[in-house]
Amino acid sequence: MPLQLGEKVQLRITQNFSVVPHTQNYIRMH
């Protein structure tokens, strides 16, 4: 179970890091 929870946390972190650059680029574009 702990491994699954860790994987979910990593997925959330990777999603957050993947979303931030897109938002920054979007702000720079506009």
N, C-alpha and C. Protein backbone atom coordinates (compact mmCIF):
# COMPACT_ATOMS: atom_id res chain seq x y z
N MET A 1 0.84 -1.22 0.00
CA MET A 1 0.00 0.00 0.00
C MET A 1 0.87 1.27 0.00
N PRO A 2 1.86 1.36 0.88
CA PRO A 2 2.70 2.58 0.91
C PRO A 2 3.31 2.88 -0.46
N LEU A 3 3.72 1.85 -1.19
CA LEU A 3 4.32 2.08 -2.52
C LEU A 3 3.29 2.71 -3.45
N GLN A 4 2.05 2.23 -3.39
CA GLN A 4 1.01 2.79 -4.26
C GLN A 4 0.77 4.26 -3.90
N LEU A 5 0.72 4.56 -2.60
CA LEU A 5 0.50 5.95 -2.19
C LEU A 5 1.65 6.80 -2.69
N GLY A 6 2.88 6.30 -2.59
CA GLY A 6 4.06 7.04 -3.05
C GLY A 6 3.97 7.30 -4.54
N GLU A 7 3.51 6.29 -5.30
CA GLU A 7 3.39 6.47 -6.75
C GLU A 7 2.35 7.55 -7.05
N LYS A 8 1.25 7.56 -6.32
CA LYS A 8 0.22 8.59 -6.55
C LYS A 8 0.79 9.97 -6.27
N VAL A 9 1.56 10.08 -5.19
CA VAL A 9 2.16 11.39 -4.84
C VAL A 9 3.11 11.82 -5.95
N GLN A 10 3.93 10.88 -6.45
CA GLN A 10 4.88 11.22 -7.52
C GLN A 10 4.12 11.67 -8.77
N LEU A 11 3.01 10.98 -9.08
CA LEU A 11 2.23 11.35 -10.25
C LEU A 11 1.69 12.78 -10.08
N ARG A 12 1.21 13.10 -8.89
CA ARG A 12 0.69 14.46 -8.66
C ARG A 12 1.81 15.48 -8.81
N ILE A 13 2.99 15.15 -8.26
CA ILE A 13 4.13 16.09 -8.35
C ILE A 13 4.52 16.29 -9.80
N THR A 14 4.62 15.19 -10.56
CA THR A 14 5.01 15.31 -11.97
C THR A 14 3.95 16.10 -12.73
N GLN A 15 2.69 15.89 -12.42
CA GLN A 15 1.62 16.63 -13.10
C GLN A 15 1.73 18.12 -12.78
N ASN A 16 2.01 18.44 -11.50
CA ASN A 16 2.15 19.85 -11.11
C ASN A 16 3.32 20.49 -11.85
N PHE A 17 4.46 19.78 -11.91
CA PHE A 17 5.64 20.34 -12.58
C PHE A 17 5.40 20.46 -14.08
N SER A 18 4.59 19.56 -14.64
CA SER A 18 4.31 19.61 -16.08
C SER A 18 3.31 20.73 -16.37
N VAL A 19 2.47 21.07 -15.40
CA VAL A 19 1.47 22.12 -15.61
C VAL A 19 2.09 23.50 -15.45
N VAL A 20 2.98 23.66 -14.48
CA VAL A 20 3.58 24.99 -14.20
C VAL A 20 4.26 25.58 -15.43
N PRO A 21 5.16 24.86 -16.11
CA PRO A 21 5.83 25.43 -17.30
C PRO A 21 4.83 25.86 -18.36
N HIS A 22 3.75 25.10 -18.54
CA HIS A 22 2.75 25.47 -19.55
C HIS A 22 2.09 26.79 -19.16
N THR A 23 1.77 26.96 -17.88
CA THR A 23 1.13 28.20 -17.44
C THR A 23 2.10 29.37 -17.61
N GLN A 24 3.38 29.15 -17.29
CA GLN A 24 4.39 30.21 -17.44
C GLN A 24 4.52 30.60 -18.91
N ASN A 25 4.57 29.58 -19.79
CA ASN A 25 4.67 29.86 -21.23
C ASN A 25 3.43 30.61 -21.70
N TYR A 26 2.27 30.21 -21.20
CA TYR A 26 1.01 30.86 -21.59
C TYR A 26 1.05 32.33 -21.18
N ILE A 27 1.54 32.59 -19.96
CA ILE A 27 1.62 33.99 -19.49
C ILE A 27 2.62 34.76 -20.34
N ARG A 28 3.74 34.12 -20.68
CA ARG A 28 4.75 34.81 -21.51
C ARG A 28 4.19 35.09 -22.90
N MET A 29 3.45 34.14 -23.45
CA MET A 29 2.88 34.34 -24.78
C MET A 29 1.94 35.54 -24.79
N HIS A 30 1.20 35.71 -23.72
CA HIS A 30 0.25 36.83 -23.64
C HIS A 30 0.85 37.93 -22.78
